[in-house]
Protein backbone atom coordinates (compact mmCIF):
# COMPACT_ATOMS: atom_id res chain seq x y z
CA UNK A 1 153.82 2.20 106.42
CA UNK A 2 154.71 -0.55 108.92
CA UNK A 3 152.08 -2.17 111.18
CA UNK A 4 152.57 -4.26 114.31
CA UNK A 5 149.99 -7.04 114.46
CA UNK A 6 149.31 -9.85 116.91
CA UNK A 7 147.07 -11.55 119.40
CA UNK A 8 147.01 -13.48 122.69
CA UNK A 9 144.43 -16.15 123.37
CA UNK A 10 144.26 -18.24 126.55
CA UNK A 11 142.21 -21.42 126.65
CA UNK A 12 141.42 -23.79 129.51
CA UNK A 13 140.61 -27.31 128.45
CA UNK A 14 139.33 -30.10 130.75
CA UNK A 15 141.06 -32.69 128.54
CA UNK A 16 143.23 -32.70 125.38
CA UNK A 17 141.24 -30.98 122.64
CA UNK A 18 141.98 -30.86 118.90
CA UNK A 19 141.74 -27.38 117.38
CA UNK A 20 142.09 -25.71 113.98
CA UNK A 21 143.43 -22.18 114.13
CA UNK A 22 142.87 -19.58 111.37
CA UNK A 23 145.15 -16.88 112.74
CA UNK A 24 147.98 -16.50 110.21
CA UNK A 25 148.12 -13.67 107.68
CA UNK A 26 146.63 -14.69 104.34
CA UNK A 27 148.97 -16.10 101.73
CA UNK A 28 148.37 -13.01 99.56
CA UNK A 29 149.99 -10.82 102.25
CA UNK A 30 152.81 -13.13 103.43
CA UNK A 31 155.36 -11.38 101.22
CA UNK A 32 154.58 -8.13 103.13
CA UNK A 33 155.56 -9.63 106.49
CA UNK A 34 158.75 -8.19 107.96
CA UNK A 35 158.75 -10.38 111.08
CA UNK A 36 156.77 -13.65 110.62
CA UNK A 37 153.49 -14.27 112.43
CA UNK A 38 154.33 -17.73 113.78
CA UNK A 39 151.81 -19.20 116.21
CA UNK A 40 153.57 -19.49 119.55
CA UNK A 41 152.16 -21.94 122.12
CA UNK A 42 152.78 -21.95 125.85
CA UNK A 43 153.31 -24.63 126.95
CA UNK A 44 155.02 -25.73 123.71
CA UNK A 45 153.09 -28.22 121.63
CA UNK A 46 153.29 -29.57 118.09
CA UNK A 47 151.77 -27.25 115.47
CA UNK A 48 151.01 -28.50 111.95
CA UNK A 49 150.47 -25.98 109.18
CA UNK A 50 147.94 -26.58 106.43
CA UNK A 51 145.78 -24.86 103.83
CA UNK A 52 142.02 -25.11 103.83
CA UNK A 53 139.85 -25.40 100.72
CA UNK A 54 139.61 -21.60 100.43
CA UNK A 55 143.40 -21.10 100.50
CA UNK A 56 143.54 -19.88 104.07
CA UNK A 57 146.60 -20.67 106.13
CA UNK A 58 145.61 -22.71 109.14
CA UNK A 59 147.31 -24.56 112.02
CA UNK A 60 146.25 -27.79 113.62
CA UNK A 61 146.98 -28.45 117.29
CA UNK A 62 145.86 -30.61 120.18
CA UNK A 63 145.45 -28.29 123.17
CA UNK A 64 146.60 -30.05 126.33
CA UNK A 65 144.58 -30.38 129.50
CA UNK A 66 144.68 -27.15 131.48
CA UNK A 67 145.64 -23.72 130.21
CA UNK A 68 147.15 -23.05 126.78
CA UNK A 69 148.33 -19.63 125.62
CA UNK A 70 148.69 -19.03 121.88
CA UNK A 71 150.09 -15.76 120.56
CA UNK A 72 151.97 -13.95 117.89
CA UNK A 73 153.70 -10.56 117.49
CA UNK A 74 154.63 -9.65 113.96
CA UNK A 75 155.30 -6.70 111.64
CA UNK A 76 153.96 -6.11 108.18
CA UNK A 77 154.52 -3.59 105.41
CA UNK A 78 151.37 -1.82 104.13
CA UNK A 79 150.82 0.62 101.33
CA UNK A 80 149.07 3.00 103.69
CA UNK A 81 146.47 3.53 100.95
CA UNK A 82 142.70 3.30 101.61
CA UNK A 83 140.63 0.46 100.24
CA UNK A 84 140.30 0.81 96.43
CA UNK A 85 137.13 2.39 95.03
CA UNK A 86 135.94 1.84 91.50
CA UNK A 87 132.61 3.56 90.88
CA UNK A 88 132.55 2.30 87.32
CA UNK A 89 132.80 -1.43 88.26
CA UNK A 90 129.93 -3.25 86.57
CA UNK A 91 127.87 -6.18 87.77
CA UNK A 92 128.73 -9.36 85.83
CA UNK A 93 125.72 -11.34 84.50
CA UNK A 94 125.41 -14.71 86.24
CA UNK A 95 125.93 -16.61 82.99
CA UNK A 96 129.33 -14.88 82.53
CA UNK A 97 130.66 -15.36 86.07
CA UNK A 98 133.80 -17.56 86.47
CA UNK A 99 132.98 -20.99 87.93
CA UNK A 100 134.96 -20.36 91.14
CA UNK A 101 132.69 -17.38 92.03
CA UNK A 102 129.45 -19.29 91.80
CA UNK A 103 129.62 -20.77 95.31
CA UNK A 104 129.53 -17.19 96.66
CA UNK A 105 126.10 -16.69 95.10
CA UNK A 106 124.59 -19.44 97.25
CA UNK A 107 123.05 -19.34 100.75
CA UNK A 108 125.26 -20.51 103.59
CA UNK A 109 125.07 -21.10 107.35
CA UNK A 110 124.88 -17.43 108.36
CA UNK A 111 123.67 -15.93 105.05
CA UNK A 112 120.21 -17.15 104.28
CA UNK A 113 119.49 -15.89 100.78
CA UNK A 114 116.23 -17.87 100.65
CA UNK A 115 114.87 -15.78 103.58
CA UNK A 116 116.20 -12.44 102.43
CA UNK A 117 115.76 -12.60 98.65
CA UNK A 118 112.33 -10.93 98.60
CA UNK A 119 113.58 -8.17 100.91
CA UNK A 120 116.67 -7.63 98.73
CA UNK A 121 114.63 -7.29 95.53
CA UNK A 122 112.15 -4.95 97.17
CA UNK A 123 114.96 -2.69 98.37
CA UNK A 124 117.53 -2.82 95.58
CA UNK A 125 115.76 -3.77 92.32
CA UNK A 126 116.06 -0.31 90.81
CA UNK A 127 118.13 0.44 87.71
CA UNK A 128 121.30 0.93 89.76
CA UNK A 129 123.70 -1.98 89.36
CA UNK A 130 127.42 -2.64 89.82
CA UNK A 131 129.41 -0.72 92.41
CA UNK A 132 126.49 1.59 93.21
CA UNK A 133 124.18 -1.34 94.03
CA UNK A 134 126.73 -2.85 96.46
CA UNK A 135 127.30 0.54 98.08
CA UNK A 136 123.50 0.97 98.42
CA UNK A 137 123.43 -2.34 100.27
CA UNK A 138 126.25 -1.26 102.54
CA UNK A 139 124.52 2.04 103.26
CA UNK A 140 121.36 0.20 104.12
CA UNK A 141 123.12 -2.30 106.46
CA UNK A 142 125.14 0.43 108.15
CA UNK A 143 122.00 2.43 108.99
CA UNK A 144 119.85 -0.60 109.76
CA UNK A 145 122.07 -2.17 112.49
CA UNK A 146 122.98 -0.70 115.88
CA UNK A 147 126.55 -1.66 116.69
CA UNK A 148 127.49 -2.97 120.16
CA UNK A 149 129.79 -5.70 121.47
CA UNK A 150 127.05 -6.63 123.93
CA UNK A 151 124.94 -7.60 120.91
CA UNK A 152 127.42 -10.28 119.86
CA UNK A 153 125.99 -13.82 119.50
CA UNK A 154 127.92 -16.60 117.76
CA UNK A 155 124.74 -18.18 116.38
CA UNK A 156 123.14 -15.01 114.95
CA UNK A 157 122.44 -15.16 111.25
CA UNK A 158 121.84 -12.50 108.62
CA UNK A 159 118.03 -13.05 108.86
CA UNK A 160 118.12 -12.64 112.61
CA UNK A 161 120.22 -9.52 112.59
CA UNK A 162 117.91 -7.99 110.00
CA UNK A 163 115.04 -8.57 112.32
CA UNK A 164 116.81 -7.57 115.55
CA UNK A 165 118.66 -4.58 113.98
CA UNK A 166 121.58 -5.10 116.43
CA UNK A 167 124.94 -6.72 116.02
CA UNK A 168 128.74 -6.55 115.63
CA UNK A 169 130.96 -6.31 112.53
CA UNK A 170 130.41 -9.94 111.50
CA UNK A 171 126.66 -9.36 111.51
CA UNK A 172 127.02 -6.31 109.25
CA UNK A 173 129.09 -8.47 106.89
CA UNK A 174 126.69 -11.39 106.93
CA UNK A 175 123.64 -9.26 106.18
CA UNK A 176 125.39 -7.40 103.33
CA UNK A 177 126.64 -10.65 101.88
CA UNK A 178 123.21 -12.24 101.92
CA UNK A 179 121.66 -9.17 100.25
CA UNK A 180 124.38 -9.09 97.58
CA UNK A 181 123.98 -12.75 96.81
CA UNK A 182 120.24 -12.27 96.61
CA UNK A 183 120.91 -9.67 93.91
CA UNK A 184 123.13 -12.09 91.98
CA UNK A 185 126.40 -10.48 93.13
CA UNK A 186 129.02 -12.98 94.39
CA UNK A 187 130.10 -11.99 97.89
CA UNK A 188 132.57 -13.62 100.32
CA UNK A 189 133.26 -13.09 104.02
CA UNK A 190 136.65 -11.82 105.19
CA UNK A 191 138.33 -11.49 108.54
CA UNK A 192 141.58 -9.93 109.62
CA UNK A 193 143.27 -7.03 111.38
CA UNK A 194 141.92 -3.52 111.05
CA UNK A 195 143.39 -0.81 113.27
CA UNK A 196 142.42 2.79 113.85
CA UNK A 197 145.08 4.26 111.58
CA UNK A 198 143.87 7.46 109.96
CA UNK A 199 140.78 7.64 112.17
CA UNK A 200 140.08 10.23 114.88
CA UNK A 201 139.71 9.16 118.52
CA UNK A 202 138.13 7.88 120.67
CA UNK A 203 139.23 4.34 119.81
CA UNK A 204 137.40 1.17 120.74
CA UNK A 205 139.00 -1.96 122.21
CA UNK A 206 140.85 -3.78 119.49
CA UNK A 207 139.41 -6.99 118.02
CA UNK A 208 139.61 -8.95 114.79
CA UNK A 209 137.48 -7.25 112.12
CA UNK A 210 134.97 -8.61 109.57
CA UNK A 211 134.22 -7.24 106.12
CA UNK A 212 133.34 -8.72 102.74
CA UNK A 213 134.42 -8.75 99.09
CA UNK A 214 132.10 -8.40 96.17
CA UNK A 215 132.89 -9.66 92.65
CA UNK A 216 132.36 -6.87 90.10
CA UNK A 217 133.74 -6.47 86.61
CA UNK A 218 136.19 -9.36 86.88
CA UNK A 219 137.67 -8.42 90.28
CA UNK A 220 137.01 -8.82 93.98
CA UNK A 221 136.57 -5.52 95.79
CA UNK A 222 136.54 -4.77 99.53
CA UNK A 223 133.36 -3.43 101.16
CA UNK A 224 132.98 -2.73 104.84
CA UNK A 225 129.36 -2.09 105.90
CA UNK A 226 130.32 -1.66 109.54
CA UNK A 227 132.59 1.30 108.96
CA UNK A 228 131.18 2.17 105.52
CA UNK A 229 134.18 4.16 104.44
CA UNK A 230 137.55 3.19 102.79
CA UNK A 231 140.07 2.41 105.57
CA UNK A 232 143.85 1.98 105.67
CA UNK A 233 145.87 -0.77 107.24
CA UNK A 234 143.52 -3.66 106.51
CA UNK A 235 145.39 -7.00 106.79
CA UNK A 236 143.53 -10.08 105.60
CA UNK A 237 143.67 -13.37 107.53
CA UNK A 238 141.04 -15.54 105.86
CA UNK A 239 138.17 -15.66 103.35
CA UNK A 240 135.16 -17.95 103.07
CA UNK A 241 131.43 -18.23 102.53
CA UNK A 242 130.72 -16.82 106.03
CA UNK A 243 132.10 -16.91 109.58
CA UNK A 244 131.83 -20.69 109.65
CA UNK A 245 134.68 -21.01 107.23
CA UNK A 246 136.99 -18.51 108.83
CA UNK A 247 136.51 -19.03 112.59
CA UNK A 248 139.76 -18.01 114.26
CA UNK A 249 139.51 -21.20 116.38
CA UNK A 250 137.50 -24.33 115.68
CA UNK A 251 137.66 -26.60 118.74
CA UNK A 252 136.54 -30.24 118.71
CA UNK A 253 135.78 -30.47 122.41
CA UNK A 254 134.87 -28.46 125.51
CA UNK A 255 137.04 -25.42 126.27
CA UNK A 256 136.85 -22.05 127.92
CA UNK A 257 138.36 -18.90 126.42
CA UNK A 258 139.90 -17.23 129.43
CA UNK A 259 141.53 -14.26 127.73
CA UNK A 260 141.44 -12.65 124.30
CA UNK A 261 143.59 -9.73 123.09
CA UNK A 262 144.37 -8.29 119.64
CA UNK A 263 146.71 -5.51 118.67
CA UNK A 264 147.31 -3.71 115.39
CA UNK A 265 149.12 -0.39 115.41
CA UNK A 266 151.18 1.71 113.04
CA UNK A 267 154.86 1.71 113.86
CA UNK A 268 156.47 5.11 113.52
CA UNK A 269 159.75 5.26 111.63
CA UNK A 270 161.63 6.28 114.73
CA UNK A 271 160.36 3.15 116.54
CA UNK A 272 160.32 0.64 113.68
CA UNK A 273 163.99 -0.47 113.36
CA UNK A 274 164.48 -1.21 117.01
CA UNK A 275 161.10 -2.88 117.45
CA UNK A 276 161.36 -5.04 114.36
CA UNK A 277 164.90 -6.08 115.18
CA UNK A 278 163.72 -7.21 118.61
CA UNK A 279 160.85 -9.20 117.08
CA UNK A 280 163.15 -10.98 114.61
């Protein structure tokens, strides 16, 4: 299947403001792009591409004084298959974990394992391990949190959302990650595009989505406690310890986000050739 992806963000800055943007499709999906997802700035400004320490594609800019519009409109091939499920995936003992997974066992800015460890062991220290344990955590988080965009708070942590029982998709991911890490399962935060392909209406306003990956049996697997079901059309942008590492925009100065739009839609075969040709 083919998917049209993109965004439009409009900022208002009182003075020139350096920014780091994490808005490009992840390197692992670049080969699937049909039309590239270049960051387009209006007014035009220099844009420097770089990779962060987690392998995410980023762009560095200095937003000028006044309004700046950044956007992209791209097309990507996708298998159209749902997220993989492997019920037999086993939990790897800590002493056998690869070194590069160990950082994803530790607490981080939004995932306080020290505060949630006792809760995790009380809830999930039965004989079930591996895939089933991670799914139990997702089931718990999904039923524990009430979803609502009006519950969004950029400073809310896993511990806070566990107490408040309200949040958005990033809060679901943070809580599940903290509980997994507390149970010695490496877990990393992911953000990207996730449309409503294959889902019945009504559809919510489109936004970037958050989920996580757990390391089981030598492989990273996708888990989505917010939706709690395998989905199709998931397009990764960035991975990290938590939302701190994969913020779509990190600004080093005062700014106001005046407008924010995201789109991700399946392109029907009858539309795709003409639309993709226009984008290229």
